[in-house]
Amino acid sequence: MSKVRIVTGSVGASEGLVEIEYEIDDLQDLDGFFSKIATIQIHSE
C-alpha cells in the first residue's frame, strides 16, 4: 500500500467517526493483503 489517509470530524458526520482510506498500487497488492489477514483466526471465519 502506498498511501494511507485518516479522516476525522468531517462536516455533516459524527465527530466520533474515523475513516481510514488505503490507496493501493494494483489488485495484486490487495490480494496479498487479503491472503495475509486470512491467516489470522478471527478473519478466517
PDB file of N, CA and C in Angstrom:
ATOM      1  N   MET A   1       0.833  -1.163   0.000  1.00  0.00           N
ATOM      2  CA  MET A   1       0.000   0.000   0.000  1.00  0.00           C
ATOM      3  C   MET A   1       0.880   1.227   0.000  1.00  0.00           C
ATOM      4  N   SER A   2       0.539   2.137  -0.865  1.00  0.00           N
ATOM      5  CA  SER A   2       1.418   3.280  -0.998  1.00  0.00           C
ATOM      6  C   SER A   2       0.971   4.501  -0.199  1.00  0.00           C
ATOM      7  N   LYS A   3      -0.346   4.687  -0.011  1.00  0.00           N
ATOM      8  CA  LYS A   3      -0.811   5.861   0.715  1.00  0.00           C
ATOM      9  C   LYS A   3      -1.918   5.476   1.679  1.00  0.00           C
ATOM     10  N   VAL A   4      -1.899   6.106   2.846  1.00  0.00           N
ATOM     11  CA  VAL A   4      -2.946   5.920   3.851  1.00  0.00           C
ATOM     12  C   VAL A   4      -3.387   7.303   4.279  1.00  0.00           C
ATOM     13  N   ARG A   5      -4.718   7.479   4.381  1.00  0.00           N
ATOM     14  CA  ARG A   5      -5.258   8.770   4.815  1.00  0.00           C
ATOM     15  C   ARG A   5      -6.281   8.502   5.909  1.00  0.00           C
ATOM     16  N   ILE A   6      -6.154   9.217   7.028  1.00  0.00           N
ATOM     17  CA  ILE A   6      -7.094   9.106   8.138  1.00  0.00           C
ATOM     18  C   ILE A   6      -7.883  10.410   8.193  1.00  0.00           C
ATOM     19  N   VAL A   7      -9.224  10.281   8.164  1.00  0.00           N
ATOM     20  CA  VAL A   7     -10.103  11.444   8.145  1.00  0.00           C
ATOM     21  C   VAL A   7     -10.995  11.391   9.379  1.00  0.00           C
ATOM     22  N   THR A   8     -11.094  12.514  10.100  1.00  0.00           N
ATOM     23  CA  THR A   8     -11.964  12.591  11.274  1.00  0.00           C
ATOM     24  C   THR A   8     -12.741  13.897  11.254  1.00  0.00           C
ATOM     25  N   GLY A   9     -13.900  13.902  11.898  1.00  0.00           N
ATOM     26  CA  GLY A   9     -14.663  15.134  12.104  1.00  0.00           C
ATOM     27  C   GLY A   9     -15.087  15.836  10.833  1.00  0.00           C
ATOM     28  N   SER A  10     -15.508  15.090   9.815  1.00  0.00           N
ATOM     29  CA  SER A  10     -15.960  15.709   8.573  1.00  0.00           C
ATOM     30  C   SER A  10     -17.260  16.481   8.790  1.00  0.00           C
ATOM     31  N   VAL A  11     -17.497  17.488   7.969  1.00  0.00           N
ATOM     32  CA  VAL A  11     -18.729  18.267   8.041  1.00  0.00           C
ATOM     33  C   VAL A  11     -19.912  17.346   7.775  1.00  0.00           C
ATOM     34  N   GLY A  12     -20.906  17.392   8.659  1.00  0.00           N
ATOM     35  CA  GLY A  12     -22.093  16.573   8.490  1.00  0.00           C
ATOM     36  C   GLY A  12     -21.955  15.158   9.037  1.00  0.00           C
ATOM     37  N   ALA A  13     -20.787  14.792   9.507  1.00  0.00           N
ATOM     38  CA  ALA A  13     -20.564  13.452  10.065  1.00  0.00           C
ATOM     39  C   ALA A  13     -20.360  13.565  11.573  1.00  0.00           C
ATOM     40  N   SER A  14     -20.600  12.486  12.243  1.00  0.00           N
ATOM     41  CA  SER A  14     -20.380  12.445  13.683  1.00  0.00           C
ATOM     42  C   SER A  14     -18.913  12.741  13.996  1.00  0.00           C
ATOM     43  N   GLU A  15     -18.673  13.474  15.062  1.00  0.00           N
ATOM     44  CA  GLU A  15     -17.289  13.786  15.448  1.00  0.00           C
ATOM     45  C   GLU A  15     -16.534  12.540  15.876  1.00  0.00           C
ATOM     46  N   GLY A  16     -17.259  11.482  16.248  1.00  0.00           N
ATOM     47  CA  GLY A  16     -16.625  10.233  16.651  1.00  0.00           C
ATOM     48  C   GLY A  16     -16.302   9.331  15.474  1.00  0.00           C
ATOM     49  N   LEU A  17     -16.641   9.753  14.258  1.00  0.00           N
ATOM     50  CA  LEU A  17     -16.405   8.942  13.059  1.00  0.00           C
ATOM     51  C   LEU A  17     -14.960   9.075  12.598  1.00  0.00           C
ATOM     52  N   VAL A  18     -14.313   7.948  12.384  1.00  0.00           N
ATOM     53  CA  VAL A  18     -12.953   7.929  11.870  1.00  0.00           C
ATOM     54  C   VAL A  18     -12.941   7.055  10.625  1.00  0.00           C
ATOM     55  N   GLU A  19     -12.449   7.590   9.514  1.00  0.00           N
ATOM     56  CA  GLU A  19     -12.345   6.837   8.270  1.00  0.00           C
ATOM     57  C   GLU A  19     -10.884   6.652   7.922  1.00  0.00           C
ATOM     58  N   ILE A  20     -10.538   5.457   7.471  1.00  0.00           N
ATOM     59  CA  ILE A  20      -9.176   5.179   7.025  1.00  0.00           C
ATOM     60  C   ILE A  20      -9.254   4.739   5.576  1.00  0.00           C
ATOM     61  N   GLU A  21      -8.544   5.449   4.707  1.00  0.00           N
ATOM     62  CA  GLU A  21      -8.519   5.136   3.284  1.00  0.00           C
ATOM     63  C   GLU A  21      -7.129   4.633   2.908  1.00  0.00           C
ATOM     64  N   TYR A  22      -7.087   3.545   2.149  1.00  0.00           N
ATOM     65  CA  TYR A  22      -5.829   2.991   1.660  1.00  0.00           C
ATOM     66  C   TYR A  22      -5.812   3.072   0.147  1.00  0.00           C
ATOM     67  N   GLU A  23      -4.758   3.615  -0.405  1.00  0.00           N
ATOM     68  CA  GLU A  23      -4.582   3.632  -1.848  1.00  0.00           C
ATOM     69  C   GLU A  23      -3.580   2.535  -2.198  1.00  0.00           C
ATOM     70  N   ILE A  24      -3.996   1.628  -3.056  1.00  0.00           N
ATOM     71  CA  ILE A  24      -3.128   0.508  -3.417  1.00  0.00           C
ATOM     72  C   ILE A  24      -2.583   0.708  -4.824  1.00  0.00           C
ATOM     73  N   ASP A  25      -1.467   0.053  -5.109  1.00  0.00           N
ATOM     74  CA  ASP A  25      -0.842   0.178  -6.418  1.00  0.00           C
ATOM     75  C   ASP A  25      -1.557  -0.656  -7.476  1.00  0.00           C
ATOM     76  N   ASP A  26      -1.999  -1.864  -7.091  1.00  0.00           N
ATOM     77  CA  ASP A  26      -2.686  -2.732  -8.037  1.00  0.00           C
ATOM     78  C   ASP A  26      -3.463  -3.804  -7.281  1.00  0.00           C
ATOM     79  N   LEU A  27      -4.232  -4.609  -7.993  1.00  0.00           N
ATOM     80  CA  LEU A  27      -5.053  -5.625  -7.348  1.00  0.00           C
ATOM     81  C   LEU A  27      -4.223  -6.740  -6.722  1.00  0.00           C
ATOM     82  N   GLN A  28      -3.016  -6.939  -7.207  1.00  0.00           N
ATOM     83  CA  GLN A  28      -2.132  -7.937  -6.606  1.00  0.00           C
ATOM     84  C   GLN A  28      -1.766  -7.521  -5.182  1.00  0.00           C
ATOM     85  N   ASP A  29      -1.576  -6.245  -4.963  1.00  0.00           N
ATOM     86  CA  ASP A  29      -1.301  -5.721  -3.625  1.00  0.00           C
ATOM     87  C   ASP A  29      -2.487  -5.994  -2.696  1.00  0.00           C
ATOM     88  N   LEU A  30      -3.703  -5.774  -3.181  1.00  0.00           N
ATOM     89  CA  LEU A  30      -4.908  -6.031  -2.403  1.00  0.00           C
ATOM     90  C   LEU A  30      -5.069  -7.523  -2.119  1.00  0.00           C
ATOM     91  N   ASP A  31      -4.810  -8.357  -3.101  1.00  0.00           N
ATOM     92  CA  ASP A  31      -4.903  -9.801  -2.925  1.00  0.00           C
ATOM     93  C   ASP A  31      -3.900 -10.287  -1.872  1.00  0.00           C
ATOM     94  N   GLY A  32      -2.710  -9.719  -1.877  1.00  0.00           N
ATOM     95  CA  GLY A  32      -1.699 -10.060  -0.879  1.00  0.00           C
ATOM     96  C   GLY A  32      -2.156  -9.689   0.526  1.00  0.00           C
ATOM     97  N   PHE A  33      -2.820  -8.552   0.647  1.00  0.00           N
ATOM     98  CA  PHE A  33      -3.355  -8.122   1.939  1.00  0.00           C
ATOM     99  C   PHE A  33      -4.410  -9.111   2.438  1.00  0.00           C
ATOM    100  N   PHE A  34      -5.347  -9.499   1.558  1.00  0.00           N
ATOM    101  CA  PHE A  34      -6.391 -10.447   1.961  1.00  0.00           C
ATOM    102  C   PHE A  34      -5.796 -11.806   2.314  1.00  0.00           C
ATOM    103  N   SER A  35      -4.784 -12.237   1.609  1.00  0.00           N
ATOM    104  CA  SER A  35      -4.124 -13.512   1.933  1.00  0.00           C
ATOM    105  C   SER A  35      -3.464 -13.451   3.304  1.00  0.00           C
ATOM    106  N   LYS A  36      -2.877 -12.308   3.622  1.00  0.00           N
ATOM    107  CA  LYS A  36      -2.197 -12.144   4.908  1.00  0.00           C
ATOM    108  C   LYS A  36      -3.191 -12.150   6.070  1.00  0.00           C
ATOM    109  N   ILE A  37      -4.316 -11.429   5.927  1.00  0.00           N
ATOM    110  CA  ILE A  37      -5.262 -11.394   7.047  1.00  0.00           C
ATOM    111  C   ILE A  37      -6.044 -12.702   7.168  1.00  0.00           C
ATOM    112  N   ALA A  38      -6.079 -13.505   6.105  1.00  0.00           N
ATOM    113  CA  ALA A  38      -6.759 -14.798   6.169  1.00  0.00           C
ATOM    114  C   ALA A  38      -6.048 -15.758   7.122  1.00  0.00           C
ATOM    115  N   THR A  39      -4.783 -15.495   7.433  1.00  0.00           N
ATOM    116  CA  THR A  39      -4.042 -16.342   8.360  1.00  0.00           C
ATOM    117  C   THR A  39      -4.374 -16.024   9.824  1.00  0.00           C
ATOM    118  N   ILE A  40      -5.071 -14.919  10.064  1.00  0.00           N
ATOM    119  CA  ILE A  40      -5.494 -14.531  11.402  1.00  0.00           C
ATOM    120  C   ILE A  40      -6.829 -15.222  11.677  1.00  0.00           C
ATOM    121  N   GLN A  41      -6.916 -15.949  12.771  1.00  0.00           N
ATOM    122  CA  GLN A  41      -8.067 -16.808  13.049  1.00  0.00           C
ATOM    123  C   GLN A  41      -9.411 -16.075  12.961  1.00  0.00           C
ATOM    124  N   ILE A  42      -9.526 -14.910  13.555  1.00  0.00           N
ATOM    125  CA  ILE A  42     -10.814 -14.216  13.569  1.00  0.00           C
ATOM    126  C   ILE A  42     -11.254 -13.802  12.158  1.00  0.00           C
ATOM    127  N   HIS A  43     -10.308 -13.543  11.258  1.00  0.00           N
ATOM    128  CA  HIS A  43     -10.642 -13.155   9.887  1.00  0.00           C
ATOM    129  C   HIS A  43     -10.943 -14.356   9.001  1.00  0.00           C
ATOM    130  N   SER A  44     -10.461 -15.517   9.373  1.00  0.00           N
ATOM    131  CA  SER A  44     -10.673 -16.698   8.524  1.00  0.00           C
ATOM    132  C   SER A  44     -12.053 -17.306   8.704  1.00  0.00           C
ATOM    133  N   GLU A  45     -12.781 -16.876   9.725  1.00  0.00           N
ATOM    134  CA  GLU A  45     -14.119 -17.432   9.988  1.00  0.00           C
ATOM    135  C   GLU A  45     -15.186 -16.794   9.145  1.00  0.00           C
TER     136      GLU A  45
END
